[in-house]
């Protein structure tokens, strides 16, 4: 519910994967995603897209101004210990 935007202290708005699946194929999904991103940014919130699985989706979201993405295109889920180990390696580079 959009009413939650006023009642809870949030810092990000997530775009559900249901809208991401066909953003490059369906104009209505394109419009919905762009509207969610605009709403997030007008409220000074981060916009996070979940369920990104293709380069085309990633390219669309970058062009549309999405701040963060989640999905198999970037990485399959990994255990937190493995993630922390890899993150520390990157920080040392």
Protein backbone atom coordinates (compact mmCIF):
# COMPACT_ATOMS: atom_id res chain seq x y z
CA UNK A 1 0.00 0.00 0.00
CA UNK A 2 1.26 3.46 -0.82
CA UNK A 3 -0.07 4.58 2.57
CA UNK A 4 2.93 2.88 4.13
CA UNK A 5 5.18 5.49 2.52
CA UNK A 6 3.84 8.03 4.99
CA UNK A 7 3.71 5.84 8.08
CA UNK A 8 7.02 4.02 8.13
CA UNK A 9 10.60 5.33 8.10
CA UNK A 10 11.90 3.84 4.87
CA UNK A 11 14.91 4.64 2.73
CA UNK A 12 14.23 2.51 -0.34
CA UNK A 13 11.39 1.51 -2.60
CA UNK A 14 11.58 -1.89 -4.29
CA UNK A 15 10.31 -2.64 -7.77
CA UNK A 16 8.77 -6.11 -7.63
CA UNK A 17 10.09 -8.68 -10.07
CA UNK A 18 6.56 -9.03 -11.51
CA UNK A 19 7.15 -5.68 -13.23
CA UNK A 20 10.75 -6.45 -14.21
CA UNK A 21 10.09 -9.68 -16.10
CA UNK A 22 8.62 -8.00 -19.20
CA UNK A 23 9.90 -4.42 -19.03
CA UNK A 24 11.55 -4.72 -22.43
CA UNK A 25 8.46 -6.33 -24.02
CA UNK A 26 5.37 -4.69 -22.52
CA UNK A 27 4.87 -0.92 -22.65
CA UNK A 28 2.65 -1.03 -19.56
CA UNK A 29 5.42 -2.66 -17.50
CA UNK A 30 7.87 -0.07 -18.82
CA UNK A 31 5.50 2.71 -17.72
CA UNK A 32 4.88 1.19 -14.28
CA UNK A 33 8.60 0.74 -13.58
CA UNK A 34 9.41 4.29 -14.69
CA UNK A 35 6.59 5.61 -12.48
CA UNK A 36 7.87 3.67 -9.45
CA UNK A 37 11.40 4.97 -10.03
CA UNK A 38 10.12 8.54 -10.36
CA UNK A 39 8.05 8.18 -7.17
CA UNK A 40 11.03 6.83 -5.25
CA UNK A 41 13.32 9.61 -6.39
CA UNK A 42 10.76 12.35 -5.77
CA UNK A 43 10.53 11.09 -2.17
CA UNK A 44 14.35 11.00 -1.92
CA UNK A 45 14.35 7.20 -1.64
CA UNK A 46 16.65 4.68 -3.27
CA UNK A 47 15.01 2.64 -6.03
CA UNK A 48 15.83 -1.07 -5.99
CA UNK A 49 14.74 -3.50 -8.72
CA UNK A 50 14.49 -7.17 -7.82
CA UNK A 51 14.50 -10.15 -10.13
CA UNK A 52 16.89 -8.81 -12.77
CA UNK A 53 17.87 -11.76 -14.93
CA UNK A 54 18.98 -10.35 -18.30
CA UNK A 55 21.34 -7.74 -19.70
CA UNK A 56 18.39 -6.10 -21.44
CA UNK A 57 16.62 -5.62 -18.11
CA UNK A 58 19.80 -4.24 -16.55
CA UNK A 59 20.32 -1.83 -19.46
CA UNK A 60 16.72 -0.62 -19.23
CA UNK A 61 16.98 -0.05 -15.48
CA UNK A 62 20.28 1.81 -15.79
CA UNK A 63 18.81 4.09 -18.47
CA UNK A 64 15.67 4.63 -16.38
CA UNK A 65 17.73 5.67 -13.34
CA UNK A 66 17.35 2.69 -11.02
CA UNK A 67 19.80 2.96 -8.11
CA UNK A 68 20.31 -0.71 -7.24
CA UNK A 69 19.44 -4.10 -8.63
CA UNK A 70 19.07 -7.58 -7.28
CA UNK A 71 18.84 -10.75 -9.30
CA UNK A 72 20.45 -13.77 -10.88
CA UNK A 73 22.01 -11.65 -13.63
CA UNK A 74 24.44 -10.31 -11.02
CA UNK A 75 24.72 -13.35 -8.76
CA UNK A 76 22.92 -16.41 -7.55
CA UNK A 77 22.18 -16.31 -3.81
CA UNK A 78 25.26 -17.12 -1.74
CA UNK A 79 25.70 -17.90 1.95
CA UNK A 80 26.53 -14.81 4.01
CA UNK A 81 29.95 -16.16 5.04
CA UNK A 82 30.94 -16.70 1.41
CA UNK A 83 29.66 -13.24 0.47
CA UNK A 84 31.60 -11.62 3.32
CA UNK A 85 34.80 -13.43 2.30
CA UNK A 86 34.50 -12.28 -1.33
CA UNK A 87 33.58 -8.75 -0.27
CA UNK A 88 36.69 -8.50 1.90
CA UNK A 89 38.83 -9.67 -1.02
CA UNK A 90 37.41 -6.91 -3.21
CA UNK A 91 38.04 -4.30 -0.54
CA UNK A 92 41.74 -5.21 -0.41
CA UNK A 93 42.20 -4.66 -4.17
